[in-house]
Amino acid sequence: MDDHNMTQGQDMMNMTMTMPMNMSMGHEMSYMHMTFYWGKDSAILFSGWPGSSTGMYVLALVVVFVLAVILEWLGHCPVPGPHASHVASGLVRTALHTVRVALAYIVMLALMSFNVGVLLVAVAGHGLGFLLFGSSVFRPPAAAPVTDVDRAKAGLPPMAC
């Protein structure tokens, strides 16, 4: 390769590397932060949403909070038991998994706005969701394990082989 072609290639590389990252082609400047910040002027999930409106920012926080709670519910909701057919059970599990992964990605994309308020409500939503659906706080205590003595009283054979 001759010096002219090499110099031209380096010039092209320098030109592409020095172009501004937010060329908006006549559109409004978007809110794109690369570090955590606190403020209502942000873009969460969609361009221009919630914008600079305080009410819309609060709505965006509520949406992220609810998505995080739903995500925890989906992670701890019961799936069809042995009574359901093998195929139906597999399809339901697959559908729940797919919805859960999609919601997890949506919450992750909201967090990529680097807004501290979004981070706090996502963590709070996951925490409340786990408290409600994953912890034992709101579940009735599990029944005591059945012993061989209990099984014998009920006229059942012992479980040990």
C-alpha atoms as a PDB file:
ATOM      1  CA  MET A   1       0.000   0.000   0.000  1.00  0.00           C
ATOM      2  CA  ASP A   2       1.482   3.372  -0.941  1.00  0.00           C
ATOM      3  CA  ASP A   3       1.818   6.370   1.379  1.00  0.00           C
ATOM      4  CA  HIS A   4      -1.033   8.269  -0.326  1.00  0.00           C
ATOM      5  CA  ASN A   5      -3.600   5.529   0.317  1.00  0.00           C
ATOM      6  CA  MET A   6      -2.408   5.065   3.905  1.00  0.00           C
ATOM      7  CA  THR A   7      -2.654   8.804   4.607  1.00  0.00           C
ATOM      8  CA  GLN A   8      -6.106   8.957   3.034  1.00  0.00           C
ATOM      9  CA  GLY A   9      -7.248   6.012   5.175  1.00  0.00           C
ATOM     10  CA  GLN A  10      -5.963   7.699   8.344  1.00  0.00           C
ATOM     11  CA  ASP A  11      -7.735  10.939   7.388  1.00  0.00           C
ATOM     12  CA  MET A  12     -11.025   9.058   6.970  1.00  0.00           C
ATOM     13  CA  MET A  13     -10.559   7.388  10.351  1.00  0.00           C
ATOM     14  CA  ASN A  14      -9.798  10.710  12.041  1.00  0.00           C
ATOM     15  CA  MET A  15     -12.822  12.299  10.385  1.00  0.00           C
ATOM     16  CA  THR A  16     -15.199   9.623  11.624  1.00  0.00           C
ATOM     17  CA  MET A  17     -13.744   9.654  15.111  1.00  0.00           C
ATOM     18  CA  THR A  18     -14.037  13.407  15.522  1.00  0.00           C
ATOM     19  CA  MET A  19     -17.650  13.715  14.341  1.00  0.00           C
ATOM     20  CA  PRO A  20     -20.043  14.817  17.055  1.00  0.00           C
ATOM     21  CA  MET A  21     -21.878  11.913  18.663  1.00  0.00           C
ATOM     22  CA  ASN A  22     -25.274  13.622  18.772  1.00  0.00           C
ATOM     23  CA  MET A  23     -25.904  14.766  15.237  1.00  0.00           C
ATOM     24  CA  SER A  24     -29.650  15.147  15.413  1.00  0.00           C
ATOM     25  CA  MET A  25     -30.273  16.260  11.807  1.00  0.00           C
ATOM     26  CA  GLY A  26     -32.371  19.247  12.786  1.00  0.00           C
ATOM     27  CA  HIS A  27     -34.184  17.559  15.670  1.00  0.00           C
ATOM     28  CA  GLU A  28     -34.195  18.700  19.274  1.00  0.00           C
ATOM     29  CA  MET A  29     -31.259  17.706  21.440  1.00  0.00           C
ATOM     30  CA  SER A  30     -32.056  14.633  23.503  1.00  0.00           C
ATOM     31  CA  TYR A  31     -31.189  14.075  27.144  1.00  0.00           C
ATOM     32  CA  MET A  32     -28.337  11.557  27.057  1.00  0.00           C
ATOM     33  CA  HIS A  33     -26.237  11.267  30.183  1.00  0.00           C
ATOM     34  CA  MET A  34     -23.309   8.931  30.613  1.00  0.00           C
ATOM     35  CA  THR A  35     -23.046   9.291  34.399  1.00  0.00           C
ATOM     36  CA  PHE A  36     -25.634   9.120  37.163  1.00  0.00           C
ATOM     37  CA  TYR A  37     -27.495  12.361  37.716  1.00  0.00           C
ATOM     38  CA  TRP A  38     -30.475  13.590  39.684  1.00  0.00           C
ATOM     39  CA  GLY A  39     -33.139  15.525  37.854  1.00  0.00           C
ATOM     40  CA  LYS A  40     -36.455  15.367  36.081  1.00  0.00           C
ATOM     41  CA  ASP A  41     -35.131  16.399  32.651  1.00  0.00           C
ATOM     42  CA  SER A  42     -34.423  13.014  31.143  1.00  0.00           C
ATOM     43  CA  ALA A  43     -35.381  10.525  28.460  1.00  0.00           C
ATOM     44  CA  ILE A  44     -36.622   7.241  29.918  1.00  0.00           C
ATOM     45  CA  LEU A  45     -37.424   4.403  27.510  1.00  0.00           C
ATOM     46  CA  PHE A  46     -38.656   6.700  24.703  1.00  0.00           C
ATOM     47  CA  SER A  47     -37.179   9.774  23.076  1.00  0.00           C
ATOM     48  CA  GLY A  48     -38.689  12.887  24.642  1.00  0.00           C
ATOM     49  CA  TRP A  49     -40.480  10.992  27.428  1.00  0.00           C
ATOM     50  CA  PRO A  50     -40.951  12.234  30.101  1.00  0.00           C
ATOM     51  CA  GLY A  51     -39.287  15.411  28.856  1.00  0.00           C
ATOM     52  CA  SER A  52     -39.112  18.292  31.308  1.00  0.00           C
ATOM     53  CA  SER A  53     -42.578  17.930  32.845  1.00  0.00           C
ATOM     54  CA  THR A  54     -42.577  17.041  36.542  1.00  0.00           C
ATOM     55  CA  GLY A  55     -45.861  15.158  36.268  1.00  0.00           C
ATOM     56  CA  MET A  56     -44.624  13.031  33.396  1.00  0.00           C
ATOM     57  CA  TYR A  57     -41.376  12.331  35.279  1.00  0.00           C
ATOM     58  CA  VAL A  58     -43.381  11.092  38.281  1.00  0.00           C
ATOM     59  CA  LEU A  59     -45.473   8.949  35.920  1.00  0.00           C
ATOM     60  CA  ALA A  60     -42.286   7.479  34.429  1.00  0.00           C
ATOM     61  CA  LEU A  61     -41.038   6.641  37.922  1.00  0.00           C
ATOM     62  CA  VAL A  62     -44.356   4.965  38.759  1.00  0.00           C
ATOM     63  CA  VAL A  63     -44.186   2.934  35.531  1.00  0.00           C
ATOM     64  CA  VAL A  64     -40.665   1.703  36.311  1.00  0.00           C
ATOM     65  CA  PHE A  65     -41.694   0.886  39.905  1.00  0.00           C
ATOM     66  CA  VAL A  66     -44.740  -1.118  38.756  1.00  0.00           C
ATOM     67  CA  LEU A  67     -42.683  -2.940  36.100  1.00  0.00           C
ATOM     68  CA  ALA A  68     -40.160  -3.980  38.766  1.00  0.00           C
ATOM     69  CA  VAL A  69     -42.933  -5.252  41.078  1.00  0.00           C
ATOM     70  CA  ILE A  70     -44.538  -7.205  38.201  1.00  0.00           C
ATOM     71  CA  LEU A  71     -41.138  -8.631  37.325  1.00  0.00           C
ATOM     72  CA  GLU A  72     -40.733  -9.980  40.865  1.00  0.00           C
ATOM     73  CA  TRP A  73     -44.273 -11.370  40.816  1.00  0.00           C
ATOM     74  CA  LEU A  74     -43.545 -13.215  37.582  1.00  0.00           C
ATOM     75  CA  GLY A  75     -40.368 -14.612  39.125  1.00  0.00           C
ATOM     76  CA  HIS A  76     -42.279 -16.065  42.057  1.00  0.00           C
ATOM     77  CA  CYS A  77     -45.709 -16.892  40.631  1.00  0.00           C
ATOM     78  CA  PRO A  78     -46.735 -20.521  40.695  1.00  0.00           C
ATOM     79  CA  VAL A  79     -46.588 -22.503  37.492  1.00  0.00           C
ATOM     80  CA  PRO A  80     -48.822 -25.397  36.510  1.00  0.00           C
ATOM     81  CA  GLY A  81     -48.230 -28.423  38.678  1.00  0.00           C
ATOM     82  CA  PRO A  82     -48.117 -32.111  37.852  1.00  0.00           C
ATOM     83  CA  HIS A  83     -51.860 -32.137  37.118  1.00  0.00           C
ATOM     84  CA  ALA A  84     -51.359 -30.211  33.861  1.00  0.00           C
ATOM     85  CA  SER A  85     -50.054 -31.920  30.768  1.00  0.00           C
ATOM     86  CA  HIS A  86     -46.330 -31.850  30.122  1.00  0.00           C
ATOM     87  CA  VAL A  87     -46.702 -29.806  26.924  1.00  0.00           C
ATOM     88  CA  ALA A  88     -49.113 -27.260  28.434  1.00  0.00           C
ATOM     89  CA  SER A  89     -46.885 -26.838  31.474  1.00  0.00           C
ATOM     90  CA  GLY A  90     -43.860 -26.278  29.232  1.00  0.00           C
ATOM     91  CA  LEU A  91     -45.699 -23.722  27.107  1.00  0.00           C
ATOM     92  CA  VAL A  92     -46.899 -21.778  30.158  1.00  0.00           C
ATOM     93  CA  ARG A  93     -43.409 -21.792  31.666  1.00  0.00           C
ATOM     94  CA  THR A  94     -41.952 -20.599  28.356  1.00  0.00           C
ATOM     95  CA  ALA A  95     -44.506 -17.796  28.053  1.00  0.00           C
ATOM     96  CA  LEU A  96     -43.887 -16.636  31.641  1.00  0.00           C
ATOM     97  CA  HIS A  97     -40.138 -16.735  31.108  1.00  0.00           C
ATOM     98  CA  THR A  98     -40.421 -14.749  27.868  1.00  0.00           C
ATOM     99  CA  VAL A  99     -42.578 -12.043  29.460  1.00  0.00           C
ATOM    100  CA  ARG A 100     -40.274 -11.886  32.487  1.00  0.00           C
ATOM    101  CA  VAL A 101     -37.162 -11.472  30.324  1.00  0.00           C
ATOM    102  CA  ALA A 102     -38.856  -8.793  28.213  1.00  0.00           C
ATOM    103  CA  LEU A 103     -39.843  -6.825  31.334  1.00  0.00           C
ATOM    104  CA  ALA A 104     -36.342  -7.244  32.769  1.00  0.00           C
ATOM    105  CA  TYR A 105     -34.882  -5.745  29.591  1.00  0.00           C
ATOM    106  CA  ILE A 106     -37.348  -2.850  29.728  1.00  0.00           C
ATOM    107  CA  VAL A 107     -36.375  -2.074  33.332  1.00  0.00           C
ATOM    108  CA  MET A 108     -32.714  -2.348  32.363  1.00  0.00           C
ATOM    109  CA  LEU A 109     -33.212   0.073  29.479  1.00  0.00           C
ATOM    110  CA  ALA A 110     -34.936   2.514  31.843  1.00  0.00           C
ATOM    111  CA  LEU A 111     -31.922   2.268  34.155  1.00  0.00           C
ATOM    112  CA  MET A 112     -29.673   3.127  31.236  1.00  0.00           C
ATOM    113  CA  SER A 113     -31.058   6.657  31.430  1.00  0.00           C
ATOM    114  CA  PHE A 114     -28.616   6.993  34.372  1.00  0.00           C
ATOM    115  CA  ASN A 115     -31.277   8.872  36.335  1.00  0.00           C
ATOM    116  CA  VAL A 116     -30.883   8.283  40.087  1.00  0.00           C
ATOM    117  CA  GLY A 117     -34.645   8.519  40.604  1.00  0.00           C
ATOM    118  CA  VAL A 118     -35.188   5.676  38.121  1.00  0.00           C
ATOM    119  CA  LEU A 119     -32.520   3.608  39.879  1.00  0.00           C
ATOM    120  CA  LEU A 120     -34.134   4.163  43.274  1.00  0.00           C
ATOM    121  CA  VAL A 121     -37.669   3.279  42.162  1.00  0.00           C
ATOM    122  CA  ALA A 122     -36.450   0.175  40.280  1.00  0.00           C
ATOM    123  CA  VAL A 123     -34.636  -1.077  43.377  1.00  0.00           C
ATOM    124  CA  ALA A 124     -37.628  -0.194  45.571  1.00  0.00           C
ATOM    125  CA  GLY A 125     -39.996  -1.992  43.168  1.00  0.00           C
ATOM    126  CA  HIS A 126     -37.850  -5.117  43.184  1.00  0.00           C
ATOM    127  CA  GLY A 127     -37.600  -4.942  46.975  1.00  0.00           C
ATOM    128  CA  LEU A 128     -41.353  -4.540  47.487  1.00  0.00           C
ATOM    129  CA  GLY A 129     -42.077  -7.225  44.893  1.00  0.00           C
ATOM    130  CA  PHE A 130     -39.780  -9.665  46.647  1.00  0.00           C
ATOM    131  CA  LEU A 131     -41.277  -8.777  50.028  1.00  0.00           C
ATOM    132  CA  LEU A 132     -44.793  -9.417  48.719  1.00  0.00           C
ATOM    133  CA  PHE A 133     -44.166 -12.470  46.541  1.00  0.00           C
ATOM    134  CA  GLY A 134     -40.784 -14.000  47.380  1.00  0.00           C
ATOM    135  CA  SER A 135     -40.365 -13.736  51.114  1.00  0.00           C
ATOM    136  CA  SER A 136     -42.274 -15.633  53.754  1.00  0.00           C
ATOM    137  CA  VAL A 137     -43.718 -12.492  55.366  1.00  0.00           C
ATOM    138  CA  PHE A 138     -47.112 -12.682  53.645  1.00  0.00           C
ATOM    139  CA  ARG A 139     -47.266 -16.445  53.102  1.00  0.00           C
ATOM    140  CA  PRO A 140     -48.890 -18.791  55.573  1.00  0.00           C
ATOM    141  CA  PRO A 141     -46.343 -20.921  57.414  1.00  0.00           C
ATOM    142  CA  ALA A 142     -45.571 -24.177  55.706  1.00  0.00           C
ATOM    143  CA  ALA A 143     -47.217 -27.238  57.162  1.00  0.00           C
ATOM    144  CA  ALA A 144     -45.021 -29.320  59.422  1.00  0.00           C
ATOM    145  CA  PRO A 145     -43.335 -32.135  57.552  1.00  0.00           C
ATOM    146  CA  VAL A 146     -45.226 -35.389  57.675  1.00  0.00           C
ATOM    147  CA  THR A 147     -43.369 -38.038  59.667  1.00  0.00           C
ATOM    148  CA  ASP A 148     -43.600 -41.787  59.431  1.00  0.00           C
ATOM    149  CA  VAL A 149     -45.559 -41.789  62.726  1.00  0.00           C
ATOM    150  CA  ASP A 150     -48.149 -39.441  61.202  1.00  0.00           C
ATOM    151  CA  ARG A 151     -48.311 -41.616  58.099  1.00  0.00           C
ATOM    152  CA  ALA A 152     -48.795 -44.762  60.227  1.00  0.00           C
ATOM    153  CA  LYS A 153     -51.658 -43.090  62.157  1.00  0.00           C
ATOM    154  CA  ALA A 154     -53.304 -42.310  58.821  1.00  0.00           C
ATOM    155  CA  GLY A 155     -52.887 -45.917  57.733  1.00  0.00           C
ATOM    156  CA  LEU A 156     -50.241 -45.138  55.106  1.00  0.00           C
ATOM    157  CA  PRO A 157     -46.984 -47.070  54.623  1.00  0.00           C
ATOM    158  CA  PRO A 158     -43.700 -45.404  55.717  1.00  0.00           C
ATOM    159  CA  MET A 159     -41.814 -43.366  53.093  1.00  0.00           C
ATOM    160  CA  ALA A 160     -38.433 -45.028  53.657  1.00  0.00           C
ATOM    161  CA  CYS A 161     -37.505 -47.940  51.422  1.00  0.00           C
END
